C-alpha atoms as a PDB file:
ATOM      1  CA  MET A   1      27.804   0.098  28.280  1.00  0.00           C
ATOM      2  CA  GLU A   2      24.976   2.601  29.934  1.00  0.00           C
ATOM      3  CA  ILE A   3      23.414   5.291  28.659  1.00  0.00           C
ATOM      4  CA  ARG A   4      21.879   8.476  30.904  1.00  0.00           C
ATOM      5  CA  TYR A   5      20.048  11.359  30.225  1.00  0.00           C
ATOM      6  CA  CYS A   6      20.227  14.077  32.515  1.00  0.00           C
ATOM      7  CA  THR A   7      16.607  16.898  31.727  1.00  0.00           C
ATOM      8  CA  ASP A   8      17.929  19.274  34.463  1.00  0.00           C
ATOM      9  CA  ALA A   9      21.774  19.335  32.520  1.00  0.00           C
ATOM     10  CA  GLU A  10      20.202  18.633  28.835  1.00  0.00           C
ATOM     11  CA  ALA A  11      23.161  16.324  28.791  1.00  0.00           C
ATOM     12  CA  PHE A  12      23.395  12.630  27.886  1.00  0.00           C
ATOM     13  CA  TYR A  13      26.535  10.466  30.015  1.00  0.00           C
ATOM     14  CA  LEU A  14      27.094   7.478  28.568  1.00  0.00           C
ATOM     15  CA  THR A  15      29.161   4.879  31.205  1.00  0.00           C
ATOM     16  CA  ILE A  16      31.624   2.153  29.486  1.00  0.00           C
ATOM     17  CA  GLY A  17      33.873   1.715  31.949  1.00  0.00           C
ATOM     18  CA  GLN A  18      33.676   0.179  35.682  1.00  0.00           C
ATOM     19  CA  GLY A  19      37.143   1.635  37.580  1.00  0.00           C
ATOM     20  CA  ALA A  20      37.206   5.292  38.896  1.00  0.00           C
ATOM     21  CA  ILE A  21      37.552   8.304  37.007  1.00  0.00           C
ATOM     22  CA  ALA A  22      40.884   9.621  36.900  1.00  0.00           C
ATOM     23  CA  ASP A  23      41.074  12.253  34.414  1.00  0.00           C
ATOM     24  CA  THR A  24      38.609  13.948  32.028  1.00  0.00           C
ATOM     25  CA  ALA A  25      39.528  15.293  28.667  1.00  0.00           C
ATOM     26  CA  HIS A  26      37.438  18.567  27.377  1.00  0.00           C
ATOM     27  CA  ILE A  27      37.066  17.808  23.787  1.00  0.00           C
ATOM     28  CA  SER A  28      34.798  20.938  22.999  1.00  0.00           C
ATOM     29  CA  ASP A  29      32.361  22.669  25.249  1.00  0.00           C
ATOM     30  CA  ASP A  30      29.746  19.921  24.496  1.00  0.00           C
ATOM     31  CA  LEU A  31      32.043  16.902  24.554  1.00  0.00           C
ATOM     32  CA  MET A  32      34.268  15.663  27.511  1.00  0.00           C
ATOM     33  CA  VAL A  33      35.950  12.128  28.086  1.00  0.00           C
ATOM     34  CA  ASP A  34      36.478  11.058  31.609  1.00  0.00           C
ATOM     35  CA  THR A  35      39.355   8.633  31.718  1.00  0.00           C
ATOM     36  CA  GLU A  36      40.529   5.841  34.636  1.00  0.00           C
ATOM     37  CA  ALA A  37      43.880   5.829  35.474  1.00  0.00           C
ATOM     38  CA  ASP A  38      45.098   3.673  32.916  1.00  0.00           C
ATOM     39  CA  GLY A  39      43.700   5.476  30.173  1.00  0.00           C
ATOM     40  CA  THR A  40      40.659   3.468  29.199  1.00  0.00           C
ATOM     41  CA  VAL A  41      37.334   5.549  28.567  1.00  0.00           C
ATOM     42  CA  HIS A  42      35.350   5.502  31.845  1.00  0.00           C
ATOM     43  CA  GLY A  43      32.620   7.420  30.090  1.00  0.00           C
ATOM     44  CA  ILE A  44      31.340  10.256  27.313  1.00  0.00           C
ATOM     45  CA  GLU A  45      29.619  13.152  28.244  1.00  0.00           C
ATOM     46  CA  LEU A  46      27.549  15.195  26.012  1.00  0.00           C
ATOM     47  CA  LEU A  47      26.149  18.291  25.862  1.00  0.00           C
ATOM     48  CA  CYS A  48      24.265  17.974  22.509  1.00  0.00           C
ATOM     49  CA  THR A  49      22.860  15.426  19.998  1.00  0.00           C
ATOM     50  CA  PRO A  50      25.564  13.134  18.132  1.00  0.00           C
ATOM     51  CA  GLY A  51      24.246  14.935  14.988  1.00  0.00           C
ATOM     52  CA  GLU A  52      24.715  18.428  16.392  1.00  0.00           C
ATOM     53  CA  LEU A  53      28.669  17.888  16.631  1.00  0.00           C
ATOM     54  CA  VAL A  54      30.779  19.320  13.988  1.00  0.00           C
ATOM     55  CA  ASP A  55      33.193  16.894  11.754  1.00  0.00           C
ATOM     56  CA  GLU A  56      36.146  18.405  13.754  1.00  0.00           C
ATOM     57  CA  GLU A  57      34.505  17.225  17.472  1.00  0.00           C
ATOM     58  CA  ARG A  58      33.467  13.717  16.106  1.00  0.00           C
ATOM     59  CA  ALA A  59      36.724  13.237  14.432  1.00  0.00           C
ATOM     60  CA  SER A  60      38.878  14.482  17.621  1.00  0.00           C
ATOM     61  CA  LEU A  61      36.829  12.386  19.827  1.00  0.00           C
ATOM     62  CA  VAL A  62      37.113   9.105  17.794  1.00  0.00           C
ATOM     63  CA  GLY A  63      40.620   9.709  16.982  1.00  0.00           C
ATOM     64  CA  ARG A  64      41.375   9.613  20.715  1.00  0.00           C
ATOM     65  CA  PHE A  65      39.119   7.367  21.992  1.00  0.00           C
ATOM     66  CA  PRO A  66      38.154   5.081  18.718  1.00  0.00           C
ATOM     67  CA  VAL A  67      35.364   3.454  21.659  1.00  0.00           C
ATOM     68  CA  ALA A  68      33.391   6.562  21.073  1.00  0.00           C
ATOM     69  CA  ALA A  69      32.012   5.949  17.653  1.00  0.00           C
ATOM     70  CA  GLU A  70      30.017   2.814  19.187  1.00  0.00           C
ATOM     71  CA  ALA A  71      28.943   5.402  22.254  1.00  0.00           C
ATOM     72  CA  LEU A  72      27.757   7.897  19.252  1.00  0.00           C
ATOM     73  CA  ALA A  73      26.475   5.614  17.179  1.00  0.00           C
ATOM     74  CA  ALA A  74      24.093   4.357  20.497  1.00  0.00           C
ATOM     75  CA  ILE A  75      23.095   7.628  21.284  1.00  0.00           C
ATOM     76  CA  GLU A  76      22.032   8.450  17.711  1.00  0.00           C
ATOM     77  CA  ARG A  77      19.831   4.934  17.778  1.00  0.00           C
ATOM     78  CA  LEU A  78      18.105   6.666  20.806  1.00  0.00           C
ATOM     79  CA  THR A  79      17.182   9.855  19.372  1.00  0.00           C
ATOM     80  CA  ARG A  80      15.802   8.730  16.552  1.00  0.00           C
ATOM     81  CA  MET A  81      13.936   6.328  18.469  1.00  0.00           C
ATOM     82  CA  SER A  82      12.620   9.247  20.520  1.00  0.00           C
ATOM     83  CA  LEU A  83      11.345  11.088  17.163  1.00  0.00           C
END
């Protein structure tokens, strides 16, 4: 898993997969998931910190893409370290 932060967009992007992006699922205005042709998660774009997600966003994300729970936890660890 690779985590990048774009200061221009104030967005996190977590790369999980290695294939080509085939589709993007819009979970909310702040949360998108790129998937590969076989449905596996390629990456997650987060336009806020994980702590700013409302419970419904988090539940929808993890319900559809269970691997996202680990990804959100990784970002949470990084944001705590930067305080």
